Amino acid sequence: MNTALGTLWNLAGYIAAVALGAWLGSRSGVRTRPLPWLGKLQLAALMILIVSLGVKLGADDEVIASLGQIGWTAFLITAAAMAGSVLALWLLRRFVLRLDDQGLPTGGAASAEAGGEGGQKADNSLTKWIVGAVALGMLAGYFLVPDAIVAYCGQVIDLGLYLLLFLVGMDMGRQGTVVSDIRAAGFKVLLIPVAVAAGSLAAAALVGLALEIGPKDAMAVAAGLGWYSLAPSLLAPYSLPVSAVCFLSNVMREVFAILAIPLVARRVGFVESVALPGAAAMDTVLPVVIGATHERITIYSFTSGMVLSLAVPLLVSAIVAL
């Protein structure tokens, strides 16, 4: 109950931060004024957030200890779940949503214009910055940062996340397309988390056939959908070994998503990048998705992450009960 209430409270805070930023950015005095510092501030806040996350993970003895014991199993399930979710979302985007690789209606005037301009905000330097920030954070957390400082990383992550969501909302408001983006997405946006979950579970079950853990437990691990602080605790009464695999796998999903999003956005599609982080698409990884794609993808990423976060307890419990 406390976890569910905490999730709802966090959701309200995230929505409020984006909405406040969008409202402020849509004001005429802000929209018409050049703000060259806005993008730089977003990048700086993103780097602080990712470094803090890396420090927290690097200082976590459970994460480090698990790497050698169950790392290979967790890695295979994570890679399969992420690949399966991207494939499922690619099929959904092309044949149901009928969007182009930049998330615009196929064949529309906006799609043609974006294609002619190249459209993407992301470049190769973003990936390099992200890889460097994660590596630096984890090494610092493991070797240098004392526990007294690590204890504050969670607060830094929370504050940095709210700031980033506010800045993302402000950018959306300055674009002036918030309402049209929501209308363009429509109710079909709810199909995105369905595709992400279905692709993750199906691929995990498939790879589970070749693992000692088996298809059912592989699905239970993948059902965490990147929420490494909740899913393992739900699986602990069922099986401590499966819970340990789940913890490491979902940590991997968040970190791998941060690293892979720019590449998937560039080579596969903007919407598909939303599949990689799973539940984290609404919070920690949202700024990475927006930075690698476009502000219009916010509605897809935030909605997907929100629905998946609420679905994790249901999916894990249902799989365990099979």
Protein backbone atom coordinates (compact mmCIF):
# COMPACT_ATOMS: atom_id res chain seq x y z
CA MET A 1 0.00 0.00 0.00
CA ASN A 2 2.78 2.42 0.94
CA THR A 3 4.60 1.63 -2.31
CA ALA A 4 1.46 2.26 -4.37
CA LEU A 5 0.80 5.55 -2.58
CA GLY A 6 4.44 6.57 -3.08
CA THR A 7 4.15 5.82 -6.79
CA LEU A 8 1.02 7.93 -7.12
CA TRP A 9 2.60 10.76 -5.16
CA ASN A 10 5.69 10.71 -7.38
CA LEU A 11 3.50 10.65 -10.49
CA ALA A 12 1.65 13.74 -9.27
CA GLY A 13 4.94 15.53 -8.67
CA TYR A 14 6.32 14.63 -12.10
CA ILE A 15 3.14 15.75 -13.84
CA ALA A 16 3.15 19.01 -11.86
CA ALA A 17 6.79 19.73 -12.78
CA VAL A 18 6.18 19.17 -16.50
CA ALA A 19 2.90 21.11 -16.46
CA LEU A 20 4.43 24.08 -14.63
CA GLY A 21 7.34 24.19 -17.05
CA ALA A 22 5.02 23.95 -20.07
CA TRP A 23 2.81 26.74 -18.72
CA LEU A 24 5.79 29.02 -18.09
CA GLY A 25 7.36 28.21 -21.45
CA SER A 26 4.10 28.99 -23.29
CA ARG A 27 3.95 32.55 -21.92
CA SER A 28 4.51 35.05 -24.73
CA GLY A 29 7.31 36.81 -22.87
CA VAL A 30 9.22 33.54 -22.59
CA ARG A 31 8.39 32.09 -26.03
CA THR A 32 9.59 35.16 -27.90
CA ARG A 33 12.81 35.52 -25.94
CA PRO A 34 15.90 33.55 -27.01
CA LEU A 35 17.11 31.32 -24.19
CA PRO A 36 20.44 29.84 -25.33
CA TRP A 37 21.18 28.70 -21.78
CA LEU A 38 18.14 26.41 -21.60
CA GLY A 39 19.69 23.53 -23.55
CA LYS A 40 23.01 23.85 -21.71
CA LEU A 41 21.22 23.81 -18.35
CA GLN A 42 19.32 20.68 -19.36
CA LEU A 43 22.56 18.93 -20.34
CA ALA A 44 24.28 19.97 -17.11
CA ALA A 45 21.36 18.80 -14.97
CA LEU A 46 21.21 15.52 -16.91
CA MET A 47 24.91 14.86 -16.32
CA ILE A 48 24.54 15.55 -12.59
CA LEU A 49 21.58 13.17 -12.47
CA ILE A 50 23.37 10.37 -14.31
CA VAL A 51 26.61 10.76 -12.32
CA SER A 52 24.60 10.64 -9.08
CA LEU A 53 22.82 7.50 -10.26
CA GLY A 54 26.18 5.95 -11.14
CA VAL A 55 27.60 6.82 -7.71
CA LYS A 56 24.59 5.24 -6.00
CA LEU A 57 24.92 2.03 -8.01
CA GLY A 58 28.70 1.84 -7.69
CA ALA A 59 28.47 2.18 -3.90
CA ASP A 60 25.79 -0.52 -3.65
CA ASP A 61 27.52 -3.68 -2.42
CA GLU A 62 24.58 -5.82 -3.55
CA VAL A 63 24.92 -4.63 -7.14
CA ILE A 64 28.69 -5.18 -7.20
CA ALA A 65 28.49 -8.59 -5.52
CA SER A 66 25.79 -9.74 -7.92
CA LEU A 67 27.84 -8.97 -11.01
CA GLY A 68 29.97 -12.10 -10.73
CA GLN A 69 27.35 -14.48 -9.37
CA ILE A 70 24.29 -13.92 -11.51
CA GLY A 71 25.46 -11.31 -13.99
CA TRP A 72 25.28 -13.46 -17.13
CA THR A 73 21.71 -14.63 -16.50
CA ALA A 74 20.58 -11.11 -15.66
CA PHE A 75 22.34 -9.72 -18.74
CA LEU A 76 20.70 -12.20 -21.14
CA ILE A 77 17.22 -11.58 -19.74
CA THR A 78 17.76 -7.81 -19.85
CA ALA A 79 19.07 -7.82 -23.42
CA ALA A 80 16.22 -10.06 -24.59
CA ALA A 81 13.54 -7.99 -22.82
CA MET A 82 14.86 -4.71 -24.24
CA ALA A 83 15.19 -6.12 -27.77
CA GLY A 84 11.72 -7.68 -27.60
CA SER A 85 10.13 -4.45 -26.44
CA VAL A 86 11.81 -2.45 -29.21
CA LEU A 87 10.65 -4.97 -31.84
CA ALA A 88 7.07 -4.96 -30.52
CA LEU A 89 6.98 -1.17 -30.48
CA TRP A 90 8.48 -0.97 -33.99
CA LEU A 91 5.67 -3.19 -35.30
CA LEU A 92 3.08 -1.12 -33.42
CA ARG A 93 4.46 2.17 -34.72
CA ARG A 94 4.63 1.08 -38.36
CA PHE A 95 1.46 -0.95 -38.77
CA VAL A 96 -0.97 0.36 -36.13
CA LEU A 97 0.02 3.90 -35.15
CA ARG A 98 1.34 4.55 -38.69
CA LEU A 99 4.06 6.95 -37.59
CA ASP A 100 7.38 7.56 -39.29
CA ASP A 101 10.72 7.04 -37.58
CA GLN A 102 10.49 10.51 -36.03
CA GLY A 103 7.07 9.90 -34.50
CA LEU A 104 5.09 11.90 -37.08
CA PRO A 105 2.10 10.64 -39.11
CA THR A 106 3.41 8.78 -42.16
CA GLY A 107 3.12 10.78 -45.35
CA GLY A 108 2.03 13.98 -43.63
CA ALA A 109 3.39 17.43 -44.39
CA ALA A 110 5.09 17.60 -40.99
CA SER A 111 6.77 14.26 -41.63
CA ALA A 112 8.11 15.37 -45.00
CA GLU A 113 9.35 18.65 -43.56
CA ALA A 114 11.07 16.95 -40.62
CA GLY A 115 12.65 14.41 -42.95
CA GLY A 116 13.98 17.16 -45.16
CA GLU A 117 15.50 18.98 -42.21
CA GLY A 118 17.01 15.89 -40.65
CA GLY A 119 14.73 16.41 -37.65
CA GLN A 120 16.81 14.84 -34.90
CA LYS A 121 18.28 16.73 -31.99
CA ALA A 122 20.61 13.92 -30.97
CA ASP A 123 24.19 13.59 -32.06
CA ASN A 124 27.03 11.19 -31.29
CA SER A 125 28.42 13.43 -28.56
CA LEU A 126 25.37 12.78 -26.37
CA THR A 127 26.15 9.07 -26.23
CA LYS A 128 29.77 9.78 -25.32
CA TRP A 129 28.75 12.15 -22.53
CA ILE A 130 26.27 9.62 -21.13
CA VAL A 131 28.75 6.71 -21.21
CA GLY A 132 31.39 8.87 -19.54
CA ALA A 133 28.98 10.09 -16.85
CA VAL A 134 27.76 6.59 -15.95
CA ALA A 135 31.30 5.17 -15.84
CA LEU A 136 32.64 8.10 -13.82
CA GLY A 137 29.78 7.87 -11.34
CA MET A 138 30.08 4.12 -10.76
CA LEU A 139 33.87 4.26 -10.36
CA ALA A 140 33.60 7.19 -7.96
CA GLY A 141 30.88 5.42 -5.98
CA TYR A 142 32.93 2.25 -5.68
CA PHE A 143 36.38 3.71 -4.98
CA LEU A 144 36.12 7.30 -3.78
CA VAL A 145 32.81 8.64 -2.47
CA PRO A 146 32.27 8.01 1.26
CA ASP A 147 29.01 6.50 2.47
CA ALA A 148 28.04 9.74 4.19
CA ILE A 149 27.88 11.46 0.79
CA VAL A 150 26.34 8.49 -1.03
CA ALA A 151 23.43 8.74 1.40
CA TYR A 152 22.49 12.08 -0.21
CA CYS A 153 22.58 10.78 -3.79
CA GLY A 154 18.92 9.82 -3.67
CA GLN A 155 17.96 13.38 -2.76
CA VAL A 156 20.22 14.78 -5.50
CA ILE A 157 18.58 12.43 -8.02
CA ASP A 158 15.09 13.47 -6.91
CA LEU A 159 15.84 17.21 -7.05
CA GLY A 160 17.70 16.88 -10.35
CA LEU A 161 14.82 14.91 -11.81
CA TYR A 162 12.23 17.52 -10.88
CA LEU A 163 14.46 20.25 -12.35
CA LEU A 164 14.92 18.28 -15.58
CA LEU A 165 11.20 17.59 -15.92
CA PHE A 166 10.49 21.29 -15.36
CA LEU A 167 13.01 22.24 -18.06
CA VAL A 168 11.59 19.62 -20.45
CA GLY A 169 8.11 21.05 -19.88
CA MET A 170 9.44 24.57 -20.46
CA ASP A 171 10.95 23.46 -23.76
CA MET A 172 7.62 21.89 -24.74
CA GLY A 173 5.79 25.12 -23.91
CA ARG A 174 8.21 27.17 -25.98
CA GLN A 175 7.61 24.86 -28.95
CA GLY A 176 3.89 25.69 -28.73
CA THR A 177 2.80 22.20 -29.82
CA VAL A 178 1.76 20.60 -26.52
CA VAL A 179 -1.96 20.46 -27.31
CA SER A 180 -1.43 19.29 -30.90
CA ASP A 181 1.01 16.59 -29.72
CA ILE A 182 -1.56 15.22 -27.27
CA ARG A 183 -4.26 15.25 -29.95
CA ALA A 184 -1.93 13.55 -32.42
CA ALA A 185 -1.11 10.80 -29.93
CA GLY A 186 -4.77 10.18 -28.97
CA PHE A 187 -5.90 7.13 -27.04
CA LYS A 188 -3.61 4.93 -29.13
CA VAL A 189 -0.75 6.15 -26.94
CA LEU A 190 -1.96 3.59 -24.37
CA LEU A 191 -0.98 0.81 -26.78
CA ILE A 192 2.69 1.72 -26.35
CA PRO A 193 3.11 0.38 -22.78
CA VAL A 194 1.11 -2.71 -23.79
CA ALA A 195 3.58 -3.38 -26.62
CA VAL A 196 6.58 -2.71 -24.35
CA ALA A 197 5.33 -5.13 -21.68
CA ALA A 198 4.29 -7.82 -24.18
CA GLY A 199 7.59 -7.65 -26.05
CA SER A 200 9.62 -7.74 -22.85
CA LEU A 201 7.78 -10.75 -21.41
CA ALA A 202 7.69 -12.74 -24.65
CA ALA A 203 11.40 -12.29 -25.33
CA ALA A 204 12.30 -13.09 -21.72
CA ALA A 205 10.25 -16.30 -21.85
CA LEU A 206 12.02 -17.27 -25.06
CA VAL A 207 15.53 -16.76 -23.67
CA GLY A 208 14.42 -18.45 -20.46
CA LEU A 209 14.10 -21.71 -22.39
CA ALA A 210 17.89 -21.78 -22.69
CA LEU A 211 18.59 -20.73 -19.09
CA GLU A 212 18.55 -22.71 -15.86
CA ILE A 213 16.13 -20.17 -14.42
CA GLY A 214 13.38 -21.26 -16.85
CA PRO A 215 10.75 -19.29 -18.84
CA LYS A 216 8.41 -18.50 -15.92
CA ASP A 217 11.09 -17.04 -13.66
CA ALA A 218 12.69 -15.20 -16.60
CA MET A 219 9.31 -13.56 -17.24
CA ALA A 220 9.00 -12.67 -13.55
CA VAL A 221 12.40 -10.98 -13.73
CA ALA A 222 11.50 -9.06 -16.90
CA ALA A 223 8.15 -8.03 -15.40
CA GLY A 224 10.07 -5.58 -13.23
CA LEU A 225 10.34 -3.44 -16.38
CA GLY A 226 13.28 -1.48 -15.00
CA TRP A 227 11.79 -0.83 -11.54
CA TYR A 228 14.66 -2.35 -9.56
CA SER A 229 13.54 -0.92 -6.20
CA LEU A 230 10.12 -2.62 -6.25
CA ALA A 231 10.14 -5.81 -8.33
CA PRO A 232 12.86 -7.65 -6.32
CA SER A 233 10.98 -7.07 -3.07
CA LEU A 234 7.84 -8.55 -4.63
CA LEU A 235 9.79 -11.65 -5.71
CA ALA A 236 11.71 -12.16 -2.45
CA PRO A 237 8.97 -14.26 -0.76
CA TYR A 238 8.74 -16.39 -3.92
CA SER A 239 12.46 -17.01 -4.48
CA LEU A 240 15.53 -15.17 -3.19
CA PRO A 241 17.73 -16.25 -6.16
CA VAL A 242 15.10 -15.00 -8.63
CA SER A 243 14.79 -11.78 -6.62
CA ALA A 244 18.56 -11.25 -6.88
CA VAL A 245 18.50 -11.81 -10.64
CA CYS A 246 15.55 -9.43 -10.90
CA PHE A 247 17.37 -6.70 -9.00
CA LEU A 248 20.47 -6.84 -11.15
CA SER A 249 18.53 -7.24 -14.40
CA ASN A 250 16.39 -4.17 -13.78
CA VAL A 251 19.39 -2.10 -12.72
CA MET A 252 20.97 -3.14 -16.01
CA ARG A 253 17.84 -2.16 -17.93
CA GLU A 254 17.95 1.41 -16.64
CA VAL A 255 21.69 1.83 -17.22
CA PHE A 256 21.68 0.12 -20.64
CA ALA A 257 18.68 2.24 -21.67
CA ILE A 258 20.55 5.45 -20.86
CA LEU A 259 23.42 4.27 -23.05
CA ALA A 260 21.35 2.84 -25.92
CA ILE A 261 18.60 5.45 -26.35
CA PRO A 262 20.59 7.82 -28.61
CA LEU A 263 21.57 4.91 -30.90
CA VAL A 264 18.05 3.45 -31.11
CA ALA A 265 16.55 6.91 -31.72
CA ARG A 266 19.01 7.47 -34.56
CA ARG A 267 18.92 4.03 -36.19
CA VAL A 268 15.42 2.65 -35.43
CA GLY A 269 13.00 5.39 -34.44
CA PHE A 270 12.10 8.03 -31.89
CA VAL A 271 9.11 6.14 -30.48
CA GLU A 272 11.09 2.89 -30.14
CA SER A 273 13.55 4.58 -27.78
CA VAL A 274 10.68 4.83 -25.28
CA ALA A 275 10.65 1.01 -25.00
CA LEU A 276 14.19 0.67 -23.66
CA PRO A 277 13.82 2.02 -20.08
CA GLY A 278 10.41 0.49 -19.40
CA ALA A 279 8.93 2.07 -16.27
CA ALA A 280 11.79 4.58 -16.00
CA ALA A 281 10.58 6.25 -19.23
CA MET A 282 8.43 8.55 -17.10
CA ASP A 283 11.10 9.78 -14.72
CA THR A 284 14.87 9.13 -14.56
CA VAL A 285 15.34 8.35 -18.25
CA LEU A 286 12.73 10.77 -19.66
CA PRO A 287 15.24 13.62 -20.17
CA VAL A 288 17.53 11.23 -22.07
CA VAL A 289 14.66 10.21 -24.35
CA ILE A 290 13.74 13.85 -25.03
CA GLY A 291 17.37 14.84 -25.55
CA ALA A 292 17.82 12.10 -28.14
CA THR A 293 14.51 12.64 -29.94
CA HIS A 294 12.09 15.57 -29.74
CA GLU A 295 9.76 17.24 -27.23
CA ARG A 296 6.73 15.68 -28.96
CA ILE A 297 7.91 12.24 -27.79
CA THR A 298 7.36 13.35 -24.17
CA ILE A 299 3.70 12.29 -24.25
CA TYR A 300 4.64 8.79 -25.45
CA SER A 301 7.49 8.35 -22.97
CA PHE A 302 5.70 9.72 -19.93
CA THR A 303 2.47 7.81 -20.57
CA SER A 304 4.32 4.55 -21.20
CA GLY A 305 6.40 4.86 -18.05
CA MET A 306 3.40 5.78 -15.93
CA VAL A 307 1.25 2.84 -17.10
CA LEU A 308 4.13 0.37 -16.81
CA SER A 309 4.98 1.57 -13.29
CA LEU A 310 1.43 0.91 -12.17
CA ALA A 311 1.42 -2.45 -13.97
CA VAL A 312 4.62 -3.86 -12.42
CA PRO A 313 3.01 -5.12 -9.16
CA LEU A 314 0.17 -6.71 -11.12
CA LEU A 315 2.42 -8.40 -13.68
CA VAL A 316 4.91 -9.76 -11.16
CA SER A 317 2.16 -11.10 -8.90
CA ALA A 318 0.28 -12.67 -11.81
CA ILE A 319 3.39 -14.44 -13.17
CA VAL A 320 4.35 -15.79 -9.76
CA ALA A 321 0.81 -17.14 -9.37
CA LEU A 322 1.01 -19.15 -12.63
